[in-house]
Amino acid sequence: MSKVIHFEIHATDPERAIRFYTEALGWRFTKWDGPIEYWTIRAGEDGEPGVNGGLIRRMGAAPSEHAAVNAFVCTIGTDSLDSTLERIEKAGGIIAVPKMPIPTVGLLAYFKDTEGNVFGVLQPEREEC
């Protein structure tokens, strides 16, 4: 079985996207010293579950406003969907699908970043002690 080990965000305006993800999710970006315009993304602390990724300048047109999703959609975990939603909107993101309960899983919402990319945010249900 193969496991996801890396993700990439394509951005028309990489600096705008970096500001968005830094402000909305606290991710850290490092410019790669290679032959293409690329940034590595540290999306969490070492030892925590999850994967890190990269950001690259989009090589074509951004997705049109009402186009169907045509890529993998990453879902990001949070302890508070409401506070994450607030940070996402403040940083320039928009709600694509409003917050909804998923029985036995948690609260889930989908957003668009400043580049038109869709991503999910999930607040898992808390296990009772």
Foldseek 3Di string as FASTA:
>chain_A
DDDDAEDEAEAQDVVLLQLLCCQLQVWDWDFDPDDFGKIWIDRDDPPDDDHTYMYHYHPDAFDDDPDDADDDAAEAEDQDPVVSVVRNVVSPKAWPADWDADPQFAIKTWIQHPRRHIYMYGNGDDDDD
